[in-house]
Amino acid sequence: MDRSAPSWGGTQDRRPASIDSQSVKADAVVGMDSRGFDGGKLINGRKRHVVVDTLGLLLAVMVTAADTGDRLAAHVLLRQVTDAHHQLALIWADGGYTGGLIEYSLTVLGLVVAIVKRSDDMRGFVVLPKRWIVERLFAHLMRSRRLVRGFERRTSSAESMIYWSMTMLMTRRLARPHPR
C-alpha cells in the first residue's frame, strides 16, 4: 500500500475539496456593475468564492458581486474545478450550499457535496471538521493588504490578486525547512 497518498474512504486517486465564500467591502473605485449588497453579512462589496484542497491550497476562485448567491456561483465554480481537476470526488460545504446544487453536482458533475453543519447546542465560534481548511485560506488572504478590501476595478484583477497571494503562500511553504 502506498503510504505517501492518504486514503479518503474511496479509491486512492479520488480526492476531496472544500468550497466556501467570503464577502469583502468594496473600495470607491469598484464600479456598481460588480458590486452588490450581501444582506446576511450587511456588506456592500464583492464575494470571493473559493475551492481548496485538503492542504488548503487554492484550486479555483471566482469573484462576483456580493449579492450573488452561493449556490448560483457554485454551479459555475464546480464546473470549472471538475474540468481542471478530474480527481475530485467529494466537496465539503456549509449550509449555504444545500438544495438543488447537491443533486446537480452528483448527476452532472459526478461530485458528492457533503454539507458540514453545526450542531444546535453549539454557542459562539466552534471549529468544524473539514471546514477549517477553507477558513484558514481566508485568514491567509486577509494577511495580504490588497485583499483586505476590494480595491480592484475588475473581478478578473481581483481573482488574479488572490492567485498571486496564494502563490506567495505556496512558495513560503516550499522554502520552509522540513524536519527530518
Protein backbone atom coordinates (compact mmCIF):
# COMPACT_ATOMS: atom_id res chain seq x y z
CA MET A 1 0.00 0.00 0.00
CA ASP A 2 1.30 3.46 -0.92
CA ARG A 3 1.77 5.47 2.29
CA SER A 4 2.52 8.76 0.50
CA ALA A 5 -1.09 9.37 -0.53
CA PRO A 6 -3.77 9.43 2.19
CA SER A 7 -6.91 7.38 1.78
CA TRP A 8 -10.23 9.26 1.86
CA GLY A 9 -12.52 6.28 2.08
CA GLY A 10 -12.67 5.68 -1.67
CA THR A 11 -10.13 4.84 -4.28
CA GLN A 12 -6.62 6.27 -3.96
CA ASP A 13 -6.94 8.55 -7.00
CA ARG A 14 -10.07 10.41 -5.83
CA ARG A 15 -9.61 13.48 -3.59
CA PRO A 16 -11.89 15.75 -1.53
CA ALA A 17 -12.03 19.54 -1.53
CA SER A 18 -13.89 22.29 0.29
CA ILE A 19 -15.94 25.23 -1.03
CA ASP A 20 -16.94 28.47 0.66
CA SER A 21 -17.38 32.18 0.07
CA GLN A 22 -16.25 35.36 1.77
CA SER A 23 -17.81 38.81 1.47
CA VAL A 24 -15.47 41.81 1.48
CA LYS A 25 -16.20 45.51 1.39
CA ALA A 26 -15.54 47.27 -1.88
CA ASP A 27 -13.49 50.44 -2.25
CA ALA A 28 -14.86 53.51 -4.01
CA VAL A 29 -13.08 52.58 -7.28
CA VAL A 30 -15.20 49.41 -7.66
CA GLY A 31 -17.99 50.02 -10.16
CA MET A 32 -21.63 49.39 -9.44
CA ASP A 33 -21.75 46.64 -12.07
CA SER A 34 -19.52 44.34 -9.97
CA ARG A 35 -20.70 45.47 -6.53
CA GLY A 36 -23.64 44.16 -4.54
CA PHE A 37 -25.10 44.03 -1.05
CA ASP A 38 -24.81 40.85 1.00
CA GLY A 39 -27.87 41.02 3.25
CA GLY A 40 -26.71 38.20 5.52
CA LYS A 41 -23.45 39.90 6.47
CA LEU A 42 -24.54 43.50 5.75
CA ILE A 43 -21.60 44.13 3.41
CA ASN A 44 -21.66 46.28 0.29
CA GLY A 45 -18.97 44.88 -1.98
CA ARG A 46 -17.89 41.64 -3.57
CA LYS A 47 -17.92 37.97 -2.72
CA ARG A 48 -14.98 35.58 -3.18
CA HIS A 49 -15.97 32.01 -3.93
CA VAL A 50 -13.10 29.53 -3.48
CA VAL A 51 -12.45 25.80 -3.73
CA VAL A 52 -9.44 24.44 -1.82
CA ASP A 53 -7.89 21.01 -1.49
CA THR A 54 -7.23 19.24 1.81
CA LEU A 55 -3.90 21.04 2.22
CA GLY A 56 -5.61 24.42 1.94
CA LEU A 57 -4.19 25.15 -1.49
CA LEU A 58 -6.39 27.07 -3.90
CA LEU A 59 -7.93 25.06 -6.73
CA ALA A 60 -10.23 27.74 -8.13
CA VAL A 61 -11.56 31.20 -7.32
CA MET A 62 -14.40 33.32 -8.66
CA VAL A 63 -15.13 36.90 -7.61
CA THR A 64 -18.70 38.16 -8.00
CA ALA A 65 -20.93 40.90 -6.67
CA ALA A 66 -21.79 40.31 -3.01
CA ASP A 67 -25.47 39.75 -3.79
CA THR A 68 -24.68 36.61 -5.83
CA GLY A 69 -25.92 33.50 -4.07
CA ASP A 70 -23.50 30.77 -3.04
CA ARG A 71 -25.41 28.05 -4.89
CA LEU A 72 -25.52 30.02 -8.14
CA ALA A 73 -21.79 30.72 -8.06
CA ALA A 74 -21.04 27.13 -7.03
CA HIS A 75 -22.68 25.81 -10.22
CA VAL A 76 -20.13 27.70 -12.32
CA LEU A 77 -17.17 27.22 -9.98
CA LEU A 78 -17.64 23.47 -9.52
CA ARG A 79 -17.89 23.03 -13.28
CA GLN A 80 -14.52 24.82 -13.67
CA VAL A 81 -12.96 22.74 -10.91
CA THR A 82 -14.10 19.39 -12.27
CA ASP A 83 -12.85 20.31 -15.76
CA ALA A 84 -9.40 21.16 -14.38
CA HIS A 85 -9.12 18.61 -11.55
CA HIS A 86 -10.52 15.24 -12.59
CA GLN A 87 -9.57 13.55 -9.31
CA LEU A 88 -12.16 15.36 -7.17
CA ALA A 89 -14.91 13.18 -5.79
CA LEU A 90 -16.14 14.93 -2.63
CA ILE A 91 -16.80 18.58 -1.82
CA TRP A 92 -17.32 19.72 1.78
CA ALA A 93 -19.61 22.74 2.07
CA ASP A 94 -21.58 24.72 4.62
CA GLY A 95 -25.36 25.04 4.88
CA GLY A 96 -25.49 27.76 2.20
CA TYR A 97 -24.93 25.14 -0.50
CA THR A 98 -27.98 22.97 0.17
CA GLY A 99 -30.82 22.50 -2.27
CA GLY A 100 -30.56 21.70 -5.96
CA LEU A 101 -26.78 22.07 -6.03
CA ILE A 102 -26.33 18.69 -4.34
CA GLU A 103 -28.35 16.85 -6.99
CA TYR A 104 -26.78 18.88 -9.84
CA SER A 105 -23.27 18.11 -8.63
CA LEU A 106 -23.96 14.41 -8.32
CA THR A 107 -25.81 13.88 -11.61
CA VAL A 108 -23.98 16.32 -13.91
CA LEU A 109 -20.51 16.64 -12.40
CA GLY A 110 -20.13 13.34 -10.57
CA LEU A 111 -19.28 15.11 -7.28
CA VAL A 112 -20.69 14.36 -3.87
CA VAL A 113 -21.40 17.57 -1.95
CA ALA A 114 -21.35 16.85 1.79
CA ILE A 115 -22.87 19.54 4.00
CA VAL A 116 -20.94 20.03 7.25
CA LYS A 117 -23.36 21.55 9.74
CA ARG A 118 -23.04 22.93 13.24
CA SER A 119 -24.99 21.17 15.92
CA ASP A 120 -27.80 23.15 17.55
CA ASP A 121 -26.20 23.13 21.01
CA MET A 122 -23.00 24.93 19.89
CA ARG A 123 -22.55 28.54 21.01
CA GLY A 124 -20.04 31.04 19.60
CA PHE A 125 -17.12 30.11 17.38
CA VAL A 126 -16.52 26.38 17.02
CA VAL A 127 -14.02 24.78 14.65
CA LEU A 128 -15.96 22.45 12.37
CA PRO A 129 -14.28 19.35 10.99
CA LYS A 130 -13.18 19.67 7.35
CA ARG A 131 -14.43 23.28 7.18
CA TRP A 132 -11.49 24.88 8.99
CA ILE A 133 -9.31 24.29 5.93
CA VAL A 134 -11.14 26.82 3.76
CA GLU A 135 -11.48 29.25 6.65
CA ARG A 136 -7.70 29.12 7.10
CA LEU A 137 -7.34 30.11 3.43
CA PHE A 138 -9.49 33.19 4.05
CA ALA A 139 -7.26 34.06 7.01
CA HIS A 140 -4.20 33.83 4.74
CA LEU A 141 -5.89 36.08 2.19
CA MET A 142 -6.66 38.70 4.82
CA ARG A 143 -2.94 38.93 5.63
CA SER A 144 -2.40 40.45 2.17
CA ARG A 145 -3.02 44.18 2.32
CA ARG A 146 -4.51 44.34 -1.19
CA LEU A 147 -7.08 41.68 -0.30
CA VAL A 148 -8.43 43.09 2.96
CA ARG A 149 -10.86 45.16 0.92
CA GLY A 150 -11.94 45.03 -2.72
CA PHE A 151 -9.60 47.53 -4.40
CA GLU A 152 -9.58 46.13 -7.92
CA ARG A 153 -11.83 47.63 -10.60
CA ARG A 154 -12.39 44.36 -12.45
CA THR A 155 -13.31 40.99 -10.98
CA SER A 156 -10.63 39.30 -13.10
CA SER A 157 -7.99 41.53 -11.47
CA ALA A 158 -9.35 40.63 -8.04
CA GLU A 159 -9.09 36.92 -8.90
CA SER A 160 -5.51 37.44 -10.09
CA MET A 161 -4.59 39.11 -6.80
CA ILE A 162 -5.93 36.07 -4.92
CA TYR A 163 -3.88 33.71 -7.10
CA TRP A 164 -0.82 35.92 -6.52
CA SER A 165 -1.31 35.82 -2.75
CA MET A 166 -1.68 32.04 -2.81
CA THR A 167 1.47 31.72 -4.95
CA MET A 168 3.39 33.59 -2.27
CA LEU A 169 1.96 31.28 0.40
CA MET A 170 2.85 28.15 -1.56
CA THR A 171 6.43 29.30 -2.19
CA ARG A 172 6.85 30.03 1.53
CA ARG A 173 5.67 26.50 2.30
CA LEU A 174 8.07 25.02 -0.23
CA ALA A 175 11.04 27.08 1.03
CA ARG A 176 10.39 26.17 4.68
CA PRO A 177 12.97 23.71 6.02
CA HIS A 178 11.44 20.32 6.74
CA PRO A 179 12.33 18.49 9.95
CA ARG A 180 13.96 15.12 9.47
